[in-house]
Amino acid sequence: MYDFSNKPLLADPWYQKALALDTDPERRRDDTCLYAQFVETKLHDPKRACALQKANCEPKDQAACAQPK
């Protein structure tokens, strides 16, 4: 709800808690890839998003790791 209410700083710890609860490795990896997009676009932290994307996303989904134009 915080994310959709434009309160990303309040949403972030809840996303992290939810990811920590997931015991299915494949689903956790997919969800962490989605979380990385949130980190990049809503928290504006491309460095952290890139690290998450490199560890959890396919190369085509590593937008935060792209070189600036």
Protein backbone atom coordinates (compact mmCIF):
# COMPACT_ATOMS: atom_id res chain seq x y z
CA MET A 1 0.00 0.00 0.00
CA TYR A 2 2.85 2.39 0.79
CA ASP A 3 4.31 1.87 -2.68
CA PHE A 4 1.03 2.73 -4.39
CA SER A 5 0.52 5.69 -2.04
CA ASN A 6 3.82 7.14 -3.27
CA LYS A 7 5.62 6.44 0.02
CA PRO A 8 8.53 4.30 -1.20
CA LEU A 9 10.68 4.82 1.88
CA LEU A 10 7.92 3.28 3.99
CA ALA A 11 7.34 0.49 1.46
CA ASP A 12 10.97 -0.57 1.25
CA PRO A 13 11.33 -2.34 4.63
CA TRP A 14 8.07 -4.21 4.05
CA TYR A 15 9.24 -5.44 0.65
CA GLN A 16 12.48 -6.61 2.24
CA LYS A 17 10.60 -8.46 5.00
CA ALA A 18 8.33 -10.14 2.45
CA LEU A 19 11.30 -11.28 0.38
CA ALA A 20 12.98 -12.73 3.46
CA LEU A 21 9.91 -14.85 4.22
CA ASP A 22 9.84 -16.60 0.84
CA THR A 23 11.37 -20.07 1.01
CA ASP A 24 11.04 -20.97 -2.69
CA PRO A 25 14.42 -20.03 -4.27
CA GLU A 26 13.11 -19.53 -7.81
CA ARG A 27 10.17 -17.38 -6.74
CA ARG A 28 12.39 -15.41 -4.37
CA ARG A 29 14.83 -14.72 -7.19
CA ASP A 30 12.02 -13.54 -9.47
CA ASP A 31 10.52 -11.38 -6.74
CA THR A 32 13.92 -9.90 -5.91
CA CYS A 33 14.33 -8.99 -9.56
CA LEU A 34 11.01 -7.12 -9.38
CA TYR A 35 12.12 -5.51 -6.12
CA ALA A 36 15.28 -4.31 -7.86
CA GLN A 37 13.10 -2.43 -10.32
CA PHE A 38 11.36 -0.75 -7.37
CA VAL A 39 14.76 0.18 -5.91
CA GLU A 40 15.83 1.70 -9.23
CA THR A 41 12.66 3.56 -10.17
CA LYS A 42 11.08 4.52 -6.85
CA LEU A 43 14.05 4.77 -4.48
CA HIS A 44 16.35 6.12 -7.21
CA ASP A 45 19.26 3.93 -6.11
CA PRO A 46 20.75 2.51 -9.32
CA LYS A 47 23.88 1.17 -7.59
CA ARG A 48 21.87 -1.00 -5.19
CA ALA A 49 19.40 -1.93 -7.93
CA CYS A 50 22.24 -3.02 -10.21
CA ALA A 51 23.69 -5.28 -7.52
CA LEU A 52 20.27 -6.87 -6.98
CA GLN A 53 19.73 -7.24 -10.72
CA LYS A 54 23.13 -8.84 -11.33
CA ALA A 55 22.41 -11.41 -8.62
CA ASN A 56 18.77 -12.12 -9.53
CA CYS A 57 17.81 -11.01 -13.03
CA GLU A 58 18.48 -12.15 -16.57
CA PRO A 59 20.93 -9.86 -18.41
CA LYS A 60 18.08 -8.36 -20.47
CA ASP A 61 16.40 -7.27 -17.21
CA GLN A 62 19.41 -5.46 -15.75
CA ALA A 63 18.38 -1.92 -16.70
CA ALA A 64 20.02 -0.34 -13.66
CA CYS A 65 23.37 -1.72 -14.78
CA ALA A 66 23.23 -0.07 -18.21
CA GLN A 67 25.79 2.60 -18.90
CA PRO A 68 24.41 6.15 -18.86
CA LYS A 69 24.04 7.70 -22.30
